[in-house]
């Protein structure tokens, strides 16, 4: 093990101890270390950092992607410079700093039903039950895929209708109340799961056909098959729909419901942020731009507010 690799692993261990997950971030940092090792370089330099950041595995030419990769090196280099003064910290303006979110795909209610029906046709029966129930839970709660997969049986309170999400993104835990209809579906799945797989390897609520915890990292492949089976076509010029888009769909549908009910959306957004496990409400505000219908409703409400305030008294 090189000294640089050793320091990188110690740095990752330190940040994880502080509550950071660093799943993608950590992999990128170790990829950069491996790149330096391949060159037999022992010091972080700006030239090496930029070359690595712009030479992505899939040949991306997106400067936003390059900037995100370079950020990994920059943050680590700031730490490393205290140990090795020869370390160079890449400047902020080496590549474009423009930030943009990728527009999410919003599933219609009909498409969600089609996905659930397709999941129900999987085989064997336990796989079908697990996928159908897990997808349904994602659709009606907006939980992250990793959060659903990490649920233990002790985290699913079927008596009170509450899910406990432990140590999620940013090290936060929260309770997620669910509708009685959702509670009934989860209870039904638990019965089927225990009948079809009497020997469960661990406390996981959602299990594979082997009785092990459902693996969120491997769900994208099966979900791609379900998209095809549900006849949800790819949108021209955009990436294929993702399972994570169910979270976006839930959030936008919730906001649309509030606007249509003419409630105080601004007052409720912090509640949505808490429910979704966002680190702050501004992450939830982003969904206001995720749907043309939402933008139209928000603009109409703003127009009414100005009209009312300017009316003669």
Protein backbone atom coordinates (compact mmCIF):
# COMPACT_ATOMS: atom_id res chain seq x y z
CA UNK A 1 0.00 0.00 0.00
CA UNK A 2 1.37 3.41 -0.98
CA UNK A 3 1.50 6.26 1.50
CA UNK A 4 -1.00 8.21 -0.61
CA UNK A 5 -3.50 5.33 -0.61
CA UNK A 6 -3.06 4.89 3.12
CA UNK A 7 -3.78 8.58 3.74
CA UNK A 8 -6.81 8.49 1.44
CA UNK A 9 -8.29 5.52 3.26
CA UNK A 10 -7.65 7.15 6.64
CA UNK A 11 -9.34 10.32 5.41
CA UNK A 12 -12.39 8.39 4.20
CA UNK A 13 -12.61 6.51 7.49
CA UNK A 14 -12.47 9.81 9.39
CA UNK A 15 -15.28 11.39 7.33
CA UNK A 16 -17.43 8.28 7.57
CA UNK A 17 -17.01 8.35 11.34
CA UNK A 18 -18.52 11.85 11.20
CA UNK A 19 -21.63 10.49 9.47
CA UNK A 20 -20.81 10.94 5.77
CA UNK A 21 -21.78 7.98 3.52
CA UNK A 22 -19.25 8.80 0.75
CA UNK A 23 -20.45 5.93 -1.47
CA UNK A 24 -19.75 7.58 -4.83
CA UNK A 25 -17.35 10.17 -3.43
CA UNK A 26 -15.12 7.54 -1.85
CA UNK A 27 -15.01 5.45 -5.02
CA UNK A 28 -13.97 8.51 -7.01
CA UNK A 29 -11.21 9.41 -4.57
CA UNK A 30 -9.77 5.90 -4.68
CA UNK A 31 -10.00 5.98 -8.48
CA UNK A 32 -7.86 9.13 -8.47
CA UNK A 33 -5.35 7.50 -6.12
CA UNK A 34 -5.18 4.46 -8.42
CA UNK A 35 -4.56 6.82 -11.35
CA UNK A 36 -1.61 8.45 -9.55
CA UNK A 37 -0.25 5.01 -8.63
CA UNK A 38 -0.40 3.95 -12.28
CA UNK A 39 1.81 6.93 -13.09
CA UNK A 40 4.02 6.24 -10.06
CA UNK A 41 3.30 9.78 -8.84
CA UNK A 42 3.36 10.31 -5.09
CA UNK A 43 2.22 13.93 -4.87
CA UNK A 44 -1.12 15.45 -5.87
CA UNK A 45 -0.68 18.07 -8.58
CA UNK A 46 -3.20 20.24 -10.42
CA UNK A 47 -2.16 18.81 -13.80
CA UNK A 48 -2.77 15.21 -12.67
CA UNK A 49 -6.06 16.17 -11.00
CA UNK A 50 -7.42 17.90 -14.10
CA UNK A 51 -6.27 15.10 -16.42
CA UNK A 52 -7.99 12.51 -14.24
CA UNK A 53 -11.15 14.57 -13.78
CA UNK A 54 -11.61 15.14 -17.51
CA UNK A 55 -10.74 11.56 -18.52
CA UNK A 56 -13.93 9.88 -17.29
CA UNK A 57 -14.48 6.11 -17.66
CA UNK A 58 -17.31 6.69 -20.16
CA UNK A 59 -15.62 9.53 -22.01
CA UNK A 60 -17.98 12.23 -20.74
CA UNK A 61 -17.51 15.71 -22.19
CA UNK A 62 -19.80 17.32 -19.63
CA UNK A 63 -17.90 20.06 -17.74
CA UNK A 64 -20.33 19.76 -14.82
CA UNK A 65 -19.31 16.11 -14.42
CA UNK A 66 -15.65 17.10 -14.66
CA UNK A 67 -16.14 19.77 -11.97
CA UNK A 68 -17.75 17.27 -9.61
CA UNK A 69 -14.87 14.83 -10.08
CA UNK A 70 -12.33 17.61 -9.54
CA UNK A 71 -14.14 18.66 -6.35
CA UNK A 72 -13.29 15.25 -4.88
CA UNK A 73 -9.59 15.84 -5.44
CA UNK A 74 -9.77 19.45 -4.23
CA UNK A 75 -11.39 18.53 -0.90
CA UNK A 76 -8.90 15.73 -0.30
CA UNK A 77 -5.96 17.93 -1.34
CA UNK A 78 -6.91 20.56 1.25
CA UNK A 79 -6.64 17.89 3.92
CA UNK A 80 -3.50 16.36 2.44
CA UNK A 81 -1.62 19.67 2.25
CA UNK A 82 -1.44 19.78 6.05
CA UNK A 83 0.51 16.52 5.89
CA UNK A 84 2.48 17.13 2.70
CA UNK A 85 3.19 20.80 1.82
CA UNK A 86 4.10 19.78 -1.74
CA UNK A 87 0.44 18.99 -2.42
CA UNK A 88 -1.21 21.28 -4.98
CA UNK A 89 -4.87 22.25 -4.47
CA UNK A 90 -6.61 22.58 -7.87
CA UNK A 91 -8.03 26.11 -8.34
CA UNK A 92 -11.80 26.63 -8.35
CA UNK A 93 -11.88 27.99 -11.91
CA UNK A 94 -9.98 25.24 -13.73
CA UNK A 95 -13.21 23.86 -15.22
CA UNK A 96 -16.70 25.31 -15.46
CA UNK A 97 -18.52 25.67 -12.15
CA UNK A 98 -21.98 25.81 -13.73
CA UNK A 99 -24.28 23.56 -11.72
CA UNK A 100 -27.46 22.04 -13.06
CA UNK A 101 -29.80 19.33 -11.93
CA UNK A 102 -30.94 16.79 -14.47
CA UNK A 103 -34.65 17.17 -15.12
CA UNK A 104 -36.37 14.21 -13.47
CA UNK A 105 -38.84 11.94 -15.20
CA UNK A 106 -42.29 12.15 -13.61
CA UNK A 107 -44.24 8.91 -13.78
CA UNK A 108 -47.97 9.22 -14.35
CA UNK A 109 -50.33 7.23 -12.10
CA UNK A 110 -50.98 4.91 -15.05
CA UNK A 111 -47.28 4.27 -15.54
CA UNK A 112 -46.82 3.46 -11.86
CA UNK A 113 -49.69 0.96 -12.05
CA UNK A 114 -48.08 -0.58 -15.15
CA UNK A 115 -44.76 -0.92 -13.32
CA UNK A 116 -46.46 -2.63 -10.36
CA UNK A 117 -48.30 -5.04 -12.66
CA UNK A 118 -45.03 -5.85 -14.45
CA UNK A 119 -43.34 -6.48 -11.10
CA UNK A 120 -46.16 -8.84 -10.16
CA UNK A 121 -45.34 -10.96 -13.22
CA UNK A 122 -41.74 -11.59 -12.14
CA UNK A 123 -40.74 -15.05 -11.05
CA UNK A 124 -40.44 -16.78 -8.68
CA UNK A 125 -43.42 -15.58 -6.57
CA UNK A 126 -41.22 -14.20 -3.73
CA UNK A 127 -39.31 -11.99 -6.18
CA UNK A 128 -42.59 -10.72 -7.60
CA UNK A 129 -43.99 -9.95 -4.15
CA UNK A 130 -40.80 -8.21 -3.01
CA UNK A 131 -40.48 -6.04 -6.09
CA UNK A 132 -44.15 -5.15 -6.28
CA UNK A 133 -44.31 -4.15 -2.62
CA UNK A 134 -40.99 -2.29 -2.60
CA UNK A 135 -41.89 -0.31 -5.75
CA UNK A 136 -45.28 0.54 -4.30
CA UNK A 137 -43.65 1.79 -1.11
CA UNK A 138 -41.24 3.95 -3.08
CA UNK A 139 -44.13 5.43 -5.06
CA UNK A 140 -46.32 6.33 -2.06
CA UNK A 141 -43.62 7.56 0.34
CA UNK A 142 -40.87 9.04 -1.83
CA UNK A 143 -38.27 7.16 0.21
CA UNK A 144 -34.82 6.59 -1.21
CA UNK A 145 -34.14 3.15 -2.68
CA UNK A 146 -31.36 2.58 -0.16
CA UNK A 147 -33.73 3.45 2.69
CA UNK A 148 -36.31 0.91 1.60
CA UNK A 149 -33.66 -1.78 1.18
CA UNK A 150 -32.22 -1.08 4.64
CA UNK A 151 -35.54 -1.46 6.45
CA UNK A 152 -35.43 -4.15 9.11
CA UNK A 153 -38.54 -5.88 10.38
CA UNK A 154 -38.16 -3.97 13.62
CA UNK A 155 -38.27 -0.70 11.64
CA UNK A 156 -41.73 -1.47 10.21
CA UNK A 157 -44.35 -0.73 12.89
CA UNK A 158 -47.49 -2.23 11.37
CA UNK A 159 -49.53 -1.51 14.48
CA UNK A 160 -49.01 2.27 14.41
CA UNK A 161 -48.27 2.66 10.69
CA UNK A 162 -44.78 4.14 11.05
CA UNK A 163 -41.51 3.28 9.31
CA UNK A 164 -38.22 4.13 11.01
CA UNK A 165 -35.47 5.15 8.61
CA UNK A 166 -32.15 4.82 10.42
CA UNK A 167 -28.84 6.51 9.62
CA UNK A 168 -29.83 7.63 6.15
CA UNK A 169 -28.20 10.23 3.94
CA UNK A 170 -26.25 12.86 5.93
CA UNK A 171 -26.43 10.51 8.94
CA UNK A 172 -30.03 11.50 9.71
CA UNK A 173 -32.77 9.21 11.02
CA UNK A 174 -36.50 9.88 10.84
CA UNK A 175 -39.96 8.36 11.24
CA UNK A 176 -42.12 8.04 8.13
CA UNK A 177 -45.86 7.74 8.83
CA UNK A 178 -47.76 5.69 6.24
CA UNK A 179 -51.38 5.38 5.19
CA UNK A 180 -53.44 2.46 6.59
CA UNK A 181 -53.74 1.05 3.05
CA UNK A 182 -49.93 0.98 2.80
CA UNK A 183 -49.71 -0.67 6.21
CA UNK A 184 -52.10 -3.39 5.03
CA UNK A 185 -50.01 -4.06 1.92
CA UNK A 186 -46.82 -4.32 3.97
CA UNK A 187 -48.52 -6.71 6.39
CA UNK A 188 -49.64 -8.85 3.47
CA UNK A 189 -46.13 -8.93 2.06
CA UNK A 190 -44.70 -9.98 5.43
CA UNK A 191 -47.05 -12.98 5.49
CA UNK A 192 -46.17 -14.00 1.92
CA UNK A 193 -42.45 -13.49 2.56
CA UNK A 194 -42.46 -15.74 5.61
CA UNK A 195 -44.53 -18.40 3.85
CA UNK A 196 -42.36 -18.51 0.74
CA UNK A 197 -39.02 -18.13 2.51
CA UNK A 198 -39.32 -19.54 6.04
CA UNK A 199 -35.55 -19.29 6.62
CA UNK A 200 -34.57 -15.64 6.39
CA UNK A 201 -30.87 -14.76 6.55
CA UNK A 202 -31.05 -11.71 8.80
CA UNK A 203 -33.54 -9.07 9.98
CA UNK A 204 -34.27 -7.42 6.60
CA UNK A 205 -37.91 -6.64 5.82
CA UNK A 206 -37.53 -6.89 2.03
CA UNK A 207 -35.65 -10.01 0.99
CA UNK A 208 -34.34 -11.64 -2.17
CA UNK A 209 -35.14 -15.18 -3.24
CA UNK A 210 -32.06 -16.27 -1.25
CA UNK A 211 -33.50 -14.76 1.91
CA UNK A 212 -30.90 -12.00 1.97
CA UNK A 213 -31.48 -8.24 2.08
CA UNK A 214 -32.68 -6.64 -1.15
CA UNK A 215 -29.62 -5.01 -2.77
CA UNK A 216 -30.33 -1.47 -3.92
CA UNK A 217 -27.12 -1.32 -5.95
CA UNK A 218 -28.37 -4.12 -8.21
CA UNK A 219 -31.95 -2.93 -8.68
CA UNK A 220 -31.39 -0.77 -11.75
CA UNK A 221 -31.04 -3.77 -14.08
CA UNK A 222 -34.33 -5.37 -13.06
CA UNK A 223 -36.04 -1.98 -13.07
CA UNK A 224 -34.92 -1.49 -16.67
CA UNK A 225 -36.65 -4.75 -17.54
CA UNK A 226 -39.81 -3.58 -15.79
CA UNK A 227 -39.78 -0.33 -17.79
CA UNK A 228 -39.75 -2.38 -20.97
CA UNK A 229 -42.46 -4.75 -19.73
CA UNK A 230 -44.59 -1.76 -18.68
CA UNK A 231 -44.09 -0.23 -22.16
CA UNK A 232 -42.65 2.98 -20.78
CA UNK A 233 -40.62 4.27 -23.68
CA UNK A 234 -37.39 6.21 -23.30
CA UNK A 235 -37.67 9.95 -23.92
CA UNK A 236 -35.69 11.09 -26.94
CA UNK A 237 -32.59 13.03 -26.03
CA UNK A 238 -32.75 12.12 -22.34
CA UNK A 239 -31.35 9.33 -20.24
CA UNK A 240 -33.47 6.28 -19.49
CA UNK A 241 -35.97 6.61 -16.67
CA UNK A 242 -34.66 5.56 -13.26
CA UNK A 243 -36.14 3.95 -10.18
CA UNK A 244 -35.07 7.09 -8.25
CA UNK A 245 -37.54 9.07 -10.37
CA UNK A 246 -40.32 7.54 -8.26
CA UNK A 247 -39.07 9.81 -5.45
CA UNK A 248 -39.31 12.85 -7.71
CA UNK A 249 -42.77 11.80 -8.87
CA UNK A 250 -44.02 11.51 -5.29
CA UNK A 251 -42.64 14.94 -4.37
CA UNK A 252 -44.17 16.71 -7.37
CA UNK A 253 -47.50 14.92 -6.90
CA UNK A 254 -47.56 16.04 -3.24
CA UNK A 255 -46.90 19.67 -4.20
CA UNK A 256 -49.53 19.53 -6.95
CA UNK A 257 -52.06 18.22 -4.44
CA UNK A 258 -51.33 21.10 -2.08
CA UNK A 259 -51.66 23.71 -4.82
CA UNK A 260 -54.94 22.23 -6.01
CA UNK A 261 -56.24 22.20 -2.42
CA UNK A 262 -55.26 25.88 -2.18
CA UNK A 263 -53.24 25.38 1.02
CA UNK A 264 -50.18 27.36 2.10
CA UNK A 265 -47.51 25.47 0.15
CA UNK A 266 -44.62 27.58 1.44
CA UNK A 267 -45.54 26.71 5.01
CA UNK A 268 -45.73 23.01 4.19
CA UNK A 269 -42.49 22.62 2.24
CA UNK A 270 -40.43 22.22 5.45
CA UNK A 271 -42.78 19.35 6.34
CA UNK A 272 -42.11 17.73 2.97
CA UNK A 273 -38.36 18.24 3.47
CA UNK A 274 -38.54 16.48 6.84
CA UNK A 275 -40.65 13.64 5.44
CA UNK A 276 -38.22 13.09 2.56
CA UNK A 277 -35.14 13.38 4.76
CA UNK A 278 -33.73 16.42 2.99
CA UNK A 279 -30.92 18.19 4.80
CA UNK A 280 -32.75 21.52 4.34
CA UNK A 281 -35.97 22.79 2.69
CA UNK A 282 -34.19 24.25 -0.36
CA UNK A 283 -33.78 20.72 -1.73
CA UNK A 284 -37.56 20.41 -1.69
CA UNK A 285 -38.07 23.84 -3.28
CA UNK A 286 -36.22 22.54 -6.34
CA UNK A 287 -39.23 20.35 -7.17
CA UNK A 288 -41.24 23.49 -7.92
CA UNK A 289 -39.33 23.67 -11.22
CA UNK A 290 -39.68 19.96 -11.93
CA UNK A 291 -43.12 20.11 -13.55
CA UNK A 292 -44.68 22.56 -16.04
CA UNK A 293 -48.01 22.12 -14.24
CA UNK A 294 -46.42 23.04 -10.92
CA UNK A 295 -44.83 26.13 -12.42
CA UNK A 296 -48.16 27.15 -13.90
CA UNK A 297 -49.99 26.73 -10.57
CA UNK A 298 -47.25 28.59 -8.68
CA UNK A 299 -47.32 31.45 -11.20
CA UNK A 300 -51.11 31.66 -11.02
CA UNK A 301 -51.03 31.86 -7.24
CA UNK A 302 -48.31 34.54 -7.36
CA UNK A 303 -50.38 36.53 -9.85
CA UNK A 304 -53.43 36.33 -7.60
CA UNK A 305 -51.36 37.51 -4.66
CA UNK A 306 -50.11 40.57 -6.56
CA UNK A 307 -53.59 41.34 -7.87
CA UNK A 308 -55.03 41.19 -4.37
CA UNK A 309 -52.28 43.35 -2.88
CA UNK A 310 -52.68 46.01 -5.59
CA UNK A 311 -56.49 46.16 -5.47
CA UNK A 312 -57.90 49.52 -4.28
CA UNK A 313 -59.03 49.59 -0.68
